[in-house]
Amino acid sequence: MVTRRALIGSLALVLLAGCGSSSGELPEGSELLSQASVSMKAVSSAHFTVKVDGEVPNVPVKEAEGDLTSSGESSGRAKVEQFGQLVEVDFVLVGKDLWVKGPTGGFTKLSSALAGSVYDPTAILDPARGVAKVLGAANGAKTVSSDGGVSVVEATVPAEVAAGLVPGIDADVKARFSVRDEKLVNAVFTMPNGAKATVDLTDLNKLVTVTPPA
């Protein structure tokens, strides 16, 4: 099942070539993240993939893929750990309603406020708790590479910001952000317990239509 209160823990980013100087110096990390934070606030939709290695507090999802909008709609498929086993579910989230379909049977309609236990992918594009906020709040940003139009920045995300995406996080999170054209394309978050969450974003701002199951 999918809830509107949690997510993979989280996201990140980095900026692009063209920012580097002719002397070969890497672009400044904090500037890259700041620019990306502003840019991601305007992103209206995305295709996302998520993979979790290890145990992330309150996030039983291990893999997920789908589409989402900044207005709070999403559809896709997730693999969720339940009682030590992975269960694959399809989900559709529209407004205050959530539909979930397990390995057998059809979709079951739930209230998103009552839906139990996976995570809310729409948090990714939520300016108040998603990618844009994570990028803007990251500390100690350092660019480690800039090649082929993609810059990679390592930084630390404060616990209170990370908790906006992943409730239960109570310590700062290490992050590695990859950005192209001031847009996030990949983020790897290392949790305090060593677990990692990897997020990829593609097809930014392309038309996404999410409709309730028939």
N, C-alpha and C. Protein backbone atom coordinates (compact mmCIF):
# COMPACT_ATOMS: atom_id res chain seq x y z
N MET A 1 0.84 -1.19 0.00
CA MET A 1 0.00 0.00 0.00
C MET A 1 0.88 1.25 0.00
N VAL A 2 0.29 2.32 -0.43
CA VAL A 2 1.07 3.54 -0.59
C VAL A 2 0.55 4.62 0.34
N THR A 3 1.41 5.34 0.99
CA THR A 3 0.97 6.42 1.84
C THR A 3 1.48 7.74 1.33
N ARG A 4 0.84 8.84 1.70
CA ARG A 4 1.24 10.15 1.25
C ARG A 4 2.27 10.73 2.18
N ARG A 5 2.80 9.96 3.10
CA ARG A 5 3.67 10.51 4.14
C ARG A 5 5.10 10.03 4.10
N ALA A 6 5.48 9.37 3.08
CA ALA A 6 6.86 8.94 3.19
C ALA A 6 7.44 8.70 1.84
N LEU A 7 8.59 8.62 1.78
CA LEU A 7 9.24 8.36 0.53
C LEU A 7 10.61 7.86 0.79
N ILE A 8 11.01 7.36 -0.05
CA ILE A 8 12.35 6.99 -0.20
C ILE A 8 13.15 8.05 0.44
N GLY A 9 13.37 7.79 1.04
CA GLY A 9 14.12 8.82 1.49
C GLY A 9 14.57 9.62 0.43
N SER A 10 14.58 10.29 -0.02
CA SER A 10 15.02 11.33 -0.70
C SER A 10 15.64 11.90 -1.82
N LEU A 11 16.51 12.72 -2.35
CA LEU A 11 16.91 13.15 -3.64
C LEU A 11 18.07 14.09 -3.63
N ALA A 12 18.44 14.55 -4.93
CA ALA A 12 19.59 15.40 -4.97
C ALA A 12 19.88 15.84 -6.34
N LEU A 13 21.12 16.51 -6.51
CA LEU A 13 21.39 16.90 -7.84
C LEU A 13 22.71 17.59 -8.07
N VAL A 14 22.89 17.98 -9.31
CA VAL A 14 24.13 18.60 -9.72
C VAL A 14 23.94 19.28 -11.05
N LEU A 15 24.78 20.19 -11.38
CA LEU A 15 24.63 20.96 -12.61
C LEU A 15 25.59 20.58 -13.69
N LEU A 16 25.72 21.31 -14.65
CA LEU A 16 26.22 20.94 -15.94
C LEU A 16 27.50 21.60 -16.38
N ALA A 17 27.98 21.07 -17.43
CA ALA A 17 29.16 21.65 -18.07
C ALA A 17 28.84 23.05 -18.50
N GLY A 18 29.78 23.77 -18.91
CA GLY A 18 29.51 25.15 -19.25
C GLY A 18 29.66 26.01 -18.04
N CYS A 19 29.48 25.43 -16.85
CA CYS A 19 29.69 26.17 -15.61
C CYS A 19 31.16 26.14 -15.23
N GLY A 20 31.90 25.15 -15.74
CA GLY A 20 33.32 25.07 -15.42
C GLY A 20 34.10 26.16 -16.12
N SER A 21 35.20 26.53 -15.57
CA SER A 21 36.01 27.59 -16.15
C SER A 21 36.94 27.03 -17.21
N SER A 22 37.50 27.92 -18.04
CA SER A 22 38.40 27.48 -19.08
C SER A 22 39.67 26.88 -18.51
N SER A 23 39.95 27.15 -17.26
CA SER A 23 41.14 26.62 -16.62
C SER A 23 40.96 25.18 -16.16
N GLY A 24 39.73 24.64 -16.34
CA GLY A 24 39.47 23.27 -15.96
C GLY A 24 38.99 23.13 -14.54
N GLU A 25 38.76 24.22 -13.82
CA GLU A 25 38.26 24.15 -12.46
C GLU A 25 36.80 23.67 -12.47
N LEU A 26 36.45 22.90 -11.46
CA LEU A 26 35.08 22.41 -11.34
C LEU A 26 34.15 23.53 -10.90
N PRO A 27 32.89 23.53 -11.36
CA PRO A 27 31.93 24.53 -10.90
C PRO A 27 31.69 24.41 -9.41
N GLU A 28 31.38 25.51 -8.77
CA GLU A 28 31.21 25.56 -7.31
C GLU A 28 29.94 24.80 -6.91
N GLY A 29 30.10 23.87 -5.96
CA GLY A 29 29.02 22.97 -5.59
C GLY A 29 27.78 23.65 -5.06
N SER A 30 27.94 24.60 -4.17
CA SER A 30 26.77 25.25 -3.56
C SER A 30 25.98 26.03 -4.60
N GLU A 31 26.66 26.62 -5.58
CA GLU A 31 25.96 27.35 -6.63
C GLU A 31 25.16 26.40 -7.51
N LEU A 32 25.73 25.26 -7.83
CA LEU A 32 25.03 24.26 -8.62
C LEU A 32 23.75 23.80 -7.95
N LEU A 33 23.85 23.52 -6.66
CA LEU A 33 22.67 23.05 -5.93
C LEU A 33 21.63 24.15 -5.78
N SER A 34 22.07 25.37 -5.55
CA SER A 34 21.14 26.49 -5.42
C SER A 34 20.37 26.71 -6.72
N GLN A 35 21.09 26.70 -7.84
CA GLN A 35 20.44 26.88 -9.14
C GLN A 35 19.48 25.74 -9.44
N ALA A 36 19.88 24.53 -9.12
CA ALA A 36 19.02 23.37 -9.35
C ALA A 36 17.78 23.40 -8.47
N SER A 37 17.94 23.89 -7.24
CA SER A 37 16.80 23.99 -6.33
C SER A 37 15.72 24.90 -6.92
N VAL A 38 16.16 26.04 -7.43
CA VAL A 38 15.21 26.99 -8.04
C VAL A 38 14.56 26.37 -9.27
N SER A 39 15.36 25.71 -10.10
CA SER A 39 14.86 25.12 -11.33
C SER A 39 13.86 24.00 -11.06
N MET A 40 14.12 23.16 -10.06
CA MET A 40 13.24 22.03 -9.78
C MET A 40 11.89 22.45 -9.24
N LYS A 41 11.81 23.66 -8.67
CA LYS A 41 10.52 24.13 -8.19
C LYS A 41 9.52 24.32 -9.31
N ALA A 42 10.03 24.51 -10.52
CA ALA A 42 9.15 24.75 -11.66
C ALA A 42 8.83 23.48 -12.45
N VAL A 43 9.41 22.34 -12.06
CA VAL A 43 9.15 21.09 -12.77
C VAL A 43 7.74 20.61 -12.46
N SER A 44 6.97 20.33 -13.49
CA SER A 44 5.56 19.96 -13.32
C SER A 44 5.31 18.47 -13.32
N SER A 45 6.25 17.69 -13.88
CA SER A 45 6.03 16.24 -13.95
C SER A 45 7.36 15.54 -14.19
N ALA A 46 7.37 14.23 -13.93
CA ALA A 46 8.59 13.45 -14.13
C ALA A 46 8.26 11.96 -14.14
N HIS A 47 9.14 11.21 -14.77
CA HIS A 47 9.14 9.76 -14.63
C HIS A 47 10.22 9.43 -13.60
N PHE A 48 9.90 8.59 -12.63
CA PHE A 48 10.84 8.32 -11.55
C PHE A 48 11.10 6.83 -11.41
N THR A 49 12.30 6.52 -10.97
CA THR A 49 12.62 5.17 -10.52
C THR A 49 13.33 5.29 -9.18
N VAL A 50 13.05 4.36 -8.31
CA VAL A 50 13.61 4.37 -6.96
C VAL A 50 14.10 2.97 -6.62
N LYS A 51 15.27 2.89 -6.01
CA LYS A 51 15.76 1.61 -5.51
C LYS A 51 16.35 1.82 -4.13
N VAL A 52 15.99 0.96 -3.20
CA VAL A 52 16.47 1.05 -1.82
C VAL A 52 17.29 -0.19 -1.49
N ASP A 53 18.51 0.03 -1.02
CA ASP A 53 19.38 -1.05 -0.57
C ASP A 53 19.55 -0.92 0.93
N GLY A 54 19.07 -1.92 1.67
CA GLY A 54 19.12 -1.85 3.12
C GLY A 54 17.79 -1.42 3.69
N GLU A 55 17.77 -1.11 4.97
CA GLU A 55 16.54 -0.76 5.67
C GLU A 55 16.47 0.75 5.88
N VAL A 56 15.46 1.38 5.29
CA VAL A 56 15.20 2.80 5.49
C VAL A 56 13.99 2.92 6.41
N PRO A 57 14.09 3.64 7.54
CA PRO A 57 13.00 3.73 8.50
C PRO A 57 11.68 4.14 7.85
N ASN A 58 10.62 3.40 8.14
CA ASN A 58 9.26 3.71 7.69
C ASN A 58 9.08 3.65 6.19
N VAL A 59 10.01 3.04 5.47
CA VAL A 59 9.89 2.92 4.02
C VAL A 59 10.13 1.47 3.61
N PRO A 60 9.08 0.65 3.58
CA PRO A 60 9.24 -0.75 3.20
C PRO A 60 9.41 -0.95 1.70
N VAL A 61 9.26 0.09 0.90
CA VAL A 61 9.44 -0.04 -0.55
C VAL A 61 10.90 -0.35 -0.86
N LYS A 62 11.11 -1.29 -1.78
CA LYS A 62 12.46 -1.65 -2.20
C LYS A 62 12.74 -1.16 -3.62
N GLU A 63 11.74 -1.15 -4.45
CA GLU A 63 11.87 -0.63 -5.79
C GLU A 63 10.55 0.02 -6.19
N ALA A 64 10.63 1.04 -7.02
CA ALA A 64 9.41 1.68 -7.51
C ALA A 64 9.71 2.39 -8.82
N GLU A 65 8.71 2.46 -9.67
CA GLU A 65 8.84 3.17 -10.93
C GLU A 65 7.47 3.68 -11.35
N GLY A 66 7.44 4.88 -11.90
CA GLY A 66 6.17 5.41 -12.34
C GLY A 66 6.27 6.86 -12.78
N ASP A 67 5.12 7.50 -12.89
CA ASP A 67 5.03 8.89 -13.27
C ASP A 67 4.39 9.68 -12.14
N LEU A 68 4.74 10.95 -12.05
CA LEU A 68 4.15 11.80 -11.01
C LEU A 68 4.04 13.23 -11.52
N THR A 69 3.17 13.99 -10.86
CA THR A 69 3.00 15.41 -11.18
C THR A 69 3.19 16.24 -9.93
N SER A 70 3.50 17.51 -10.13
CA SER A 70 3.69 18.40 -8.98
C SER A 70 2.38 18.73 -8.30
N SER A 71 1.26 18.42 -8.94
CA SER A 71 -0.04 18.68 -8.34
C SER A 71 -0.49 17.55 -7.43
N GLY A 72 0.32 16.50 -7.30
CA GLY A 72 0.02 15.45 -6.33
C GLY A 72 -0.62 14.20 -6.90
N GLU A 73 -0.36 13.90 -8.16
CA GLU A 73 -0.90 12.69 -8.78
C GLU A 73 0.25 11.77 -9.16
N SER A 74 0.01 10.48 -9.08
CA SER A 74 1.07 9.54 -9.41
C SER A 74 0.48 8.18 -9.74
N SER A 75 1.18 7.45 -10.60
CA SER A 75 0.81 6.07 -10.88
C SER A 75 2.07 5.29 -11.19
N GLY A 76 2.05 4.00 -10.87
CA GLY A 76 3.23 3.19 -11.14
C GLY A 76 3.15 1.85 -10.45
N ARG A 77 4.33 1.28 -10.23
CA ARG A 77 4.43 -0.05 -9.64
C ARG A 77 5.54 -0.04 -8.60
N ALA A 78 5.34 -0.76 -7.53
CA ALA A 78 6.34 -0.81 -6.46
C ALA A 78 6.49 -2.23 -5.93
N LYS A 79 7.69 -2.55 -5.47
CA LYS A 79 7.94 -3.79 -4.76
C LYS A 79 8.10 -3.44 -3.28
N VAL A 80 7.24 -4.02 -2.47
CA VAL A 80 7.17 -3.67 -1.06
C VAL A 80 7.47 -4.90 -0.20
N GLU A 81 8.25 -4.70 0.83
CA GLU A 81 8.57 -5.79 1.74
C GLU A 81 7.46 -5.93 2.78
N GLN A 82 6.86 -7.11 2.83
CA GLN A 82 5.82 -7.41 3.81
C GLN A 82 6.10 -8.77 4.41
N PHE A 83 6.27 -8.79 5.73
CA PHE A 83 6.52 -10.03 6.45
C PHE A 83 7.70 -10.80 5.85
N GLY A 84 8.75 -10.05 5.49
CA GLY A 84 9.96 -10.67 4.99
C GLY A 84 9.94 -11.07 3.53
N GLN A 85 8.84 -10.76 2.83
CA GLN A 85 8.74 -11.09 1.42
C GLN A 85 8.47 -9.85 0.60
N LEU A 86 8.91 -9.86 -0.66
CA LEU A 86 8.64 -8.76 -1.56
C LEU A 86 7.31 -8.99 -2.28
N VAL A 87 6.46 -7.99 -2.21
CA VAL A 87 5.16 -8.05 -2.86
C VAL A 87 5.08 -6.92 -3.87
N GLU A 88 4.70 -7.23 -5.10
CA GLU A 88 4.61 -6.22 -6.15
C GLU A 88 3.19 -5.67 -6.21
N VAL A 89 3.07 -4.35 -6.19
CA VAL A 89 1.76 -3.72 -6.24
C VAL A 89 1.75 -2.62 -7.29
N ASP A 90 0.60 -2.43 -7.92
CA ASP A 90 0.36 -1.28 -8.78
C ASP A 90 -0.39 -0.24 -7.95
N PHE A 91 -0.12 1.03 -8.20
CA PHE A 91 -0.81 2.06 -7.44
C PHE A 91 -1.18 3.24 -8.34
N VAL A 92 -2.27 3.89 -7.97
CA VAL A 92 -2.73 5.11 -8.62
C VAL A 92 -3.15 6.08 -7.53
N LEU A 93 -2.61 7.26 -7.55
CA LEU A 93 -2.89 8.26 -6.52
C LEU A 93 -3.44 9.51 -7.19
N VAL A 94 -4.68 9.85 -6.88
CA VAL A 94 -5.33 11.03 -7.45
C VAL A 94 -6.06 11.77 -6.35
N GLY A 95 -5.68 13.01 -6.11
CA GLY A 95 -6.33 13.78 -5.05
C GLY A 95 -6.17 13.11 -3.70
N LYS A 96 -7.29 12.85 -3.04
CA LYS A 96 -7.25 12.23 -1.73
C LYS A 96 -7.51 10.73 -1.79
N ASP A 97 -7.51 10.18 -2.97
CA ASP A 97 -7.83 8.77 -3.14
C ASP A 97 -6.63 7.98 -3.67
N LEU A 98 -6.50 6.78 -3.17
CA LEU A 98 -5.43 5.88 -3.55
C LEU A 98 -6.03 4.54 -3.97
N TRP A 99 -5.57 4.05 -5.10
CA TRP A 99 -5.98 2.72 -5.56
C TRP A 99 -4.76 1.81 -5.55
N VAL A 100 -4.91 0.61 -5.04
CA VAL A 100 -3.80 -0.34 -4.95
C VAL A 100 -4.26 -1.69 -5.49
N LYS A 101 -3.39 -2.31 -6.28
CA LYS A 101 -3.69 -3.65 -6.81
C LYS A 101 -2.51 -4.56 -6.53
N GLY A 102 -2.78 -5.65 -5.84
CA GLY A 102 -1.74 -6.61 -5.52
C GLY A 102 -1.53 -7.63 -6.62
N PRO A 103 -0.83 -8.72 -6.31
CA PRO A 103 -0.55 -9.75 -7.32
C PRO A 103 -1.80 -10.39 -7.91
N THR A 104 -2.88 -10.40 -7.15
CA THR A 104 -4.12 -10.98 -7.64
C THR A 104 -5.26 -9.99 -7.41
N GLY A 105 -6.32 -10.15 -8.18
CA GLY A 105 -7.48 -9.29 -8.01
C GLY A 105 -7.31 -7.94 -8.68
N GLY A 106 -8.30 -7.08 -8.48
CA GLY A 106 -8.30 -5.77 -9.09
C GLY A 106 -7.84 -4.70 -8.13
N PHE A 107 -8.09 -3.44 -8.52
CA PHE A 107 -7.72 -2.31 -7.68
C PHE A 107 -8.68 -2.16 -6.50
N THR A 108 -8.12 -1.79 -5.36
CA THR A 108 -8.89 -1.48 -4.17
C THR A 108 -8.71 -0.01 -3.86
N LYS A 109 -9.81 0.70 -3.64
CA LYS A 109 -9.76 2.13 -3.37
C LYS A 109 -9.62 2.38 -1.88
N LEU A 110 -8.68 3.25 -1.53
CA LEU A 110 -8.42 3.62 -0.16
C LEU A 110 -8.34 5.14 -0.05
N SER A 111 -8.49 5.63 1.16
CA SER A 111 -8.18 7.03 1.41
C SER A 111 -6.68 7.15 1.58
N SER A 112 -6.06 8.11 0.92
CA SER A 112 -4.61 8.25 1.04
C SER A 112 -4.21 8.56 2.48
N ALA A 113 -5.13 9.16 3.26
CA ALA A 113 -4.83 9.47 4.65
C ALA A 113 -4.77 8.20 5.50
N LEU A 114 -5.44 7.14 5.03
CA LEU A 114 -5.50 5.90 5.80
C LEU A 114 -4.62 4.82 5.20
N ALA A 115 -4.17 5.02 4.00
CA ALA A 115 -3.35 4.00 3.34
C ALA A 115 -2.08 3.81 4.13
N GLY A 116 -1.74 2.63 4.36
CA GLY A 116 -0.75 2.30 5.32
C GLY A 116 0.69 2.58 5.13
N SER A 117 1.43 2.04 4.19
CA SER A 117 2.81 1.83 4.61
C SER A 117 3.91 1.95 3.57
N VAL A 118 3.71 2.49 2.44
CA VAL A 118 4.85 2.47 1.54
C VAL A 118 5.51 3.82 1.48
N TYR A 119 5.06 4.69 0.66
CA TYR A 119 5.66 6.01 0.58
C TYR A 119 4.86 6.83 -0.42
N ASP A 120 5.11 8.12 -0.41
CA ASP A 120 4.38 9.01 -1.31
C ASP A 120 5.32 9.55 -2.37
N PRO A 121 5.27 9.03 -3.58
CA PRO A 121 6.20 9.50 -4.61
C PRO A 121 5.98 10.95 -5.00
N THR A 122 4.77 11.47 -4.79
CA THR A 122 4.51 12.86 -5.17
C THR A 122 5.30 13.85 -4.32
N ALA A 123 5.86 13.38 -3.20
CA ALA A 123 6.71 14.26 -2.39
C ALA A 123 7.93 14.73 -3.16
N ILE A 124 8.33 13.97 -4.17
CA ILE A 124 9.54 14.30 -4.92
C ILE A 124 9.47 15.71 -5.51
N LEU A 125 8.32 16.08 -6.06
CA LEU A 125 8.18 17.38 -6.71
C LEU A 125 7.46 18.41 -5.84
N ASP A 126 7.25 18.09 -4.59
CA ASP A 126 6.61 19.03 -3.66
C ASP A 126 7.65 20.04 -3.18
N PRO A 127 7.51 21.33 -3.53
CA PRO A 127 8.52 22.32 -3.14
C PRO A 127 8.74 22.42 -1.64
N ALA A 128 7.72 22.06 -0.84
CA ALA A 128 7.81 22.22 0.61
C ALA A 128 8.58 21.08 1.27
N ARG A 129 8.73 19.94 0.60
CA ARG A 129 9.40 18.81 1.24
C ARG A 129 10.19 17.94 0.28
N GLY A 130 10.23 18.29 -0.98
CA GLY A 130 10.83 17.43 -1.97
C GLY A 130 12.21 17.83 -2.43
N VAL A 131 12.48 17.53 -3.69
CA VAL A 131 13.81 17.71 -4.26
C VAL A 131 14.30 19.14 -4.13
N ALA A 132 13.44 20.09 -4.45
CA ALA A 132 13.87 21.49 -4.41
C ALA A 132 14.33 21.91 -3.02
N LYS A 133 13.60 21.47 -2.00
CA LYS A 133 13.97 21.82 -0.65
C LYS A 133 15.26 21.12 -0.22
N VAL A 134 15.39 19.86 -0.60
CA VAL A 134 16.60 19.11 -0.26
C VAL A 134 17.84 19.76 -0.86
N LEU A 135 17.74 20.15 -2.11
CA LEU A 135 18.88 20.78 -2.78
C LEU A 135 19.25 22.11 -2.15
N GLY A 136 18.21 22.88 -1.81
CA GLY A 136 18.45 24.19 -1.24
C GLY A 136 18.99 24.16 0.17
N ALA A 137 18.75 23.06 0.89
CA ALA A 137 19.17 22.98 2.29
C ALA A 137 20.46 22.19 2.49
N ALA A 138 20.99 21.59 1.42
CA ALA A 138 22.19 20.76 1.55
C ALA A 138 23.39 21.58 2.01
N ASN A 139 24.19 21.00 2.87
CA ASN A 139 25.37 21.67 3.43
C ASN A 139 26.67 21.03 2.92
N GLY A 140 27.73 21.83 2.93
CA GLY A 140 29.05 21.30 2.60
C GLY A 140 29.15 20.78 1.19
N ALA A 141 28.46 21.41 0.25
CA ALA A 141 28.45 20.93 -1.13
C ALA A 141 29.83 21.00 -1.76
N LYS A 142 30.22 19.92 -2.43
CA LYS A 142 31.51 19.86 -3.11
C LYS A 142 31.34 19.15 -4.44
N THR A 143 31.69 19.83 -5.53
CA THR A 143 31.62 19.21 -6.84
C THR A 143 32.78 18.23 -7.00
N VAL A 144 32.46 16.98 -7.37
CA VAL A 144 33.50 15.97 -7.50
C VAL A 144 33.80 15.64 -8.96
N SER A 145 32.88 15.99 -9.87
CA SER A 145 33.14 15.78 -11.29
C SER A 145 32.18 16.61 -12.12
N SER A 146 32.59 16.90 -13.34
CA SER A 146 31.74 17.62 -14.29
C SER A 146 32.17 17.20 -15.68
N ASP A 147 31.36 16.33 -16.30
CA ASP A 147 31.79 15.75 -17.57
C ASP A 147 30.56 15.34 -18.37
N GLY A 148 30.61 15.54 -19.67
CA GLY A 148 29.53 15.11 -20.54
C GLY A 148 28.22 15.80 -20.26
N GLY A 149 28.26 17.02 -19.74
CA GLY A 149 27.04 17.75 -19.46
C GLY A 149 26.42 17.46 -18.12
N VAL A 150 27.06 16.62 -17.32
CA VAL A 150 26.53 16.27 -16.00
C VAL A 150 27.55 16.62 -14.93
N SER A 151 27.12 17.33 -13.90
CA SER A 151 27.96 17.62 -12.75
C SER A 151 27.49 16.79 -11.56
N VAL A 152 28.45 16.34 -10.77
CA VAL A 152 28.15 15.53 -9.59
C VAL A 152 28.62 16.27 -8.35
N VAL A 153 27.71 16.42 -7.39
CA VAL A 153 27.99 17.17 -6.17
C VAL A 153 27.70 16.28 -4.97
N GLU A 154 28.62 16.25 -4.03
CA GLU A 154 28.40 15.56 -2.77
C GLU A 154 28.10 16.59 -1.69
N ALA A 155 27.15 16.25 -0.79
CA ALA A 155 26.75 17.19 0.25
C ALA A 155 26.09 16.41 1.39
N THR A 156 25.69 17.14 2.42
CA THR A 156 24.98 16.57 3.56
C THR A 156 23.62 17.24 3.68
N VAL A 157 22.57 16.44 3.84
CA VAL A 157 21.21 16.95 3.99
C VAL A 157 20.83 16.91 5.47
N PRO A 158 20.42 18.05 6.06
CA PRO A 158 20.05 18.07 7.48
C PRO A 158 18.91 17.10 7.78
N ALA A 159 18.93 16.56 8.98
CA ALA A 159 17.94 15.56 9.38
C ALA A 159 16.51 16.05 9.21
N GLU A 160 16.24 17.31 9.61
CA GLU A 160 14.87 17.80 9.55
C GLU A 160 14.36 17.94 8.14
N VAL A 161 15.26 18.18 7.19
CA VAL A 161 14.87 18.26 5.78
C VAL A 161 14.65 16.86 5.21
N ALA A 162 15.57 15.96 5.51
CA ALA A 162 15.43 14.58 5.05
C ALA A 162 14.15 13.95 5.58
N ALA A 163 13.77 14.31 6.80
CA ALA A 163 12.57 13.75 7.41
C ALA A 163 11.30 14.20 6.70
N GLY A 164 11.37 15.31 5.97
CA GLY A 164 10.22 15.74 5.19
C GLY A 164 9.88 14.77 4.09
N LEU A 165 10.88 14.10 3.60
CA LEU A 165 10.68 13.08 2.58
C LEU A 165 10.56 11.68 3.17
N VAL A 166 11.32 11.45 4.22
CA VAL A 166 11.34 10.12 4.84
C VAL A 166 11.12 10.25 6.34
N PRO A 167 9.87 10.22 6.79
CA PRO A 167 9.60 10.31 8.23
C PRO A 167 10.36 9.23 8.99
N GLY A 168 10.95 9.63 10.09
CA GLY A 168 11.72 8.68 10.88
C GLY A 168 13.21 8.94 10.83
N ILE A 169 13.67 9.65 9.79
CA ILE A 169 15.09 10.01 9.73
C ILE A 169 15.38 11.01 10.84
N ASP A 170 16.38 10.70 11.68
CA ASP A 170 16.68 11.57 12.82
C ASP A 170 18.14 11.97 12.86
N ALA A 171 18.83 11.80 11.74
CA ALA A 171 20.24 12.21 11.66
C ALA A 171 20.52 12.70 10.25
N ASP A 172 21.57 13.49 10.09
CA ASP A 172 21.91 14.02 8.79
C ASP A 172 22.20 12.89 7.80
N VAL A 173 21.94 13.16 6.52
CA VAL A 173 22.06 12.16 5.46
C VAL A 173 23.09 12.60 4.44
N LYS A 174 24.01 11.71 4.07
CA LYS A 174 24.97 12.00 3.02
C LYS A 174 24.28 11.84 1.66
N ALA A 175 24.59 12.73 0.73
CA ALA A 175 23.93 12.68 -0.57
C ALA A 175 24.93 12.92 -1.69
N ARG A 176 24.64 12.33 -2.83
CA ARG A 176 25.43 12.52 -4.03
C ARG A 176 24.46 12.87 -5.15
N PHE A 177 24.54 14.10 -5.67
CA PHE A 177 23.58 14.62 -6.63
C PHE A 177 24.20 14.73 -8.04
N SER A 178 23.44 14.32 -9.03
CA SER A 178 23.85 14.49 -10.43
C SER A 178 22.83 15.37 -11.13
N VAL A 179 23.34 16.40 -11.84
CA VAL A 179 22.45 17.38 -12.47
C VAL A 179 22.86 17.66 -13.90
N ARG A 180 21.86 17.78 -14.74
CA ARG A 180 22.07 18.19 -16.12
C ARG A 180 21.14 19.36 -16.42
N ASP A 181 21.68 20.43 -16.99
CA ASP A 181 20.87 21.61 -17.32
C ASP A 181 20.09 22.12 -16.12
N GLU A 182 20.72 22.15 -14.97
CA GLU A 182 20.11 22.63 -13.73
C GLU A 182 18.91 21.80 -13.30
N LYS A 183 18.85 20.55 -13.75
CA LYS A 183 17.78 19.65 -13.34
C LYS A 183 18.39 18.39 -12.74
N LEU A 184 17.74 17.88 -11.71
CA LEU A 184 18.19 16.64 -11.09
C LEU A 184 17.97 15.47 -12.04
N VAL A 185 18.97 14.64 -12.21
CA VAL A 185 18.81 13.43 -12.99
C VAL A 185 19.05 12.17 -12.15
N ASN A 186 19.80 12.33 -11.07
CA ASN A 186 20.08 11.17 -10.22
C ASN A 186 20.47 11.65 -8.83
N ALA A 187 20.07 10.90 -7.82
CA ALA A 187 20.47 11.19 -6.45
C ALA A 187 20.67 9.89 -5.70
N VAL A 188 21.72 9.84 -4.91
CA VAL A 188 21.98 8.69 -4.05
C VAL A 188 22.10 9.20 -2.62
N PHE A 189 21.26 8.69 -1.74
CA PHE A 189 21.26 9.09 -0.34
C PHE A 189 21.73 7.94 0.53
N THR A 190 22.66 8.22 1.41
CA THR A 190 23.15 7.22 2.35
C THR A 190 22.61 7.55 3.73
N MET A 191 21.79 6.65 4.26
CA MET A 191 21.14 6.85 5.54
C MET A 191 22.12 6.61 6.69
N PRO A 192 21.76 7.08 7.89
CA PRO A 192 22.65 6.90 9.04
C PRO A 192 23.00 5.44 9.31
N ASN A 193 22.12 4.51 8.96
CA ASN A 193 22.40 3.09 9.21
C ASN A 193 23.14 2.42 8.06
N GLY A 194 23.53 3.21 7.04
CA GLY A 194 24.26 2.65 5.90
C GLY A 194 23.39 2.28 4.72
N ALA A 195 22.07 2.27 4.89
CA ALA A 195 21.17 1.99 3.77
C ALA A 195 21.25 3.11 2.73
N LYS A 196 21.00 2.74 1.49
CA LYS A 196 21.06 3.72 0.41
C LYS A 196 19.76 3.75 -0.37
N ALA A 197 19.37 4.96 -0.79
CA ALA A 197 18.22 5.13 -1.66
C ALA A 197 18.69 5.86 -2.91
N THR A 198 18.42 5.26 -4.07
CA THR A 198 18.82 5.84 -5.35
C THR A 198 17.58 6.27 -6.11
N VAL A 199 17.59 7.51 -6.60
CA VAL A 199 16.45 8.05 -7.34
C VAL A 199 16.92 8.55 -8.69
N ASP A 200 16.21 8.17 -9.74
CA ASP A 200 16.47 8.69 -11.08
C ASP A 200 15.23 9.40 -11.59
N LEU A 201 15.42 10.55 -12.20
CA LEU A 201 14.33 11.32 -12.78
C LEU A 201 14.58 11.54 -14.27
N THR A 202 13.57 11.26 -15.08
CA THR A 202 13.65 11.47 -16.52
C THR A 202 12.35 12.08 -17.01
N ASP A 203 12.32 12.46 -18.28
CA ASP A 203 11.11 12.99 -18.92
C ASP A 203 10.49 14.14 -18.13
N LEU A 204 11.34 15.06 -17.67
CA LEU A 204 10.84 16.19 -16.90
C LEU A 204 9.94 17.07 -17.76
N ASN A 205 8.83 17.48 -17.17
CA ASN A 205 7.88 18.41 -17.78
C ASN A 205 7.16 17.85 -19.00
N LYS A 206 7.26 16.55 -19.22
CA LYS A 206 6.46 15.96 -20.29
C LYS A 206 5.04 15.70 -19.77
N LEU A 207 4.10 15.65 -20.72
CA LEU A 207 2.71 15.49 -20.33
C LEU A 207 2.48 14.20 -19.59
N VAL A 208 1.90 14.28 -18.41
CA VAL A 208 1.54 13.10 -17.60
C VAL A 208 0.08 13.21 -17.22
N THR A 209 -0.68 12.19 -17.55
CA THR A 209 -2.10 12.17 -17.20
C THR A 209 -2.35 10.94 -16.32
N VAL A 210 -2.83 11.18 -15.11
CA VAL A 210 -3.14 10.10 -14.18
C VAL A 210 -4.64 10.07 -13.96
N THR A 211 -5.27 8.95 -14.26
CA THR A 211 -6.71 8.81 -14.11
C THR A 211 -7.03 7.66 -13.17
N PRO A 212 -8.12 7.73 -12.42
CA PRO A 212 -8.51 6.63 -11.54
C PRO A 212 -8.80 5.36 -12.34
N PRO A 213 -8.51 4.19 -11.76
CA PRO A 213 -8.80 2.93 -12.45
C PRO A 213 -10.29 2.81 -12.75
N ALA A 214 -10.61 2.15 -13.84
CA ALA A 214 -12.01 1.96 -14.21
C ALA A 214 -12.68 1.03 -13.21
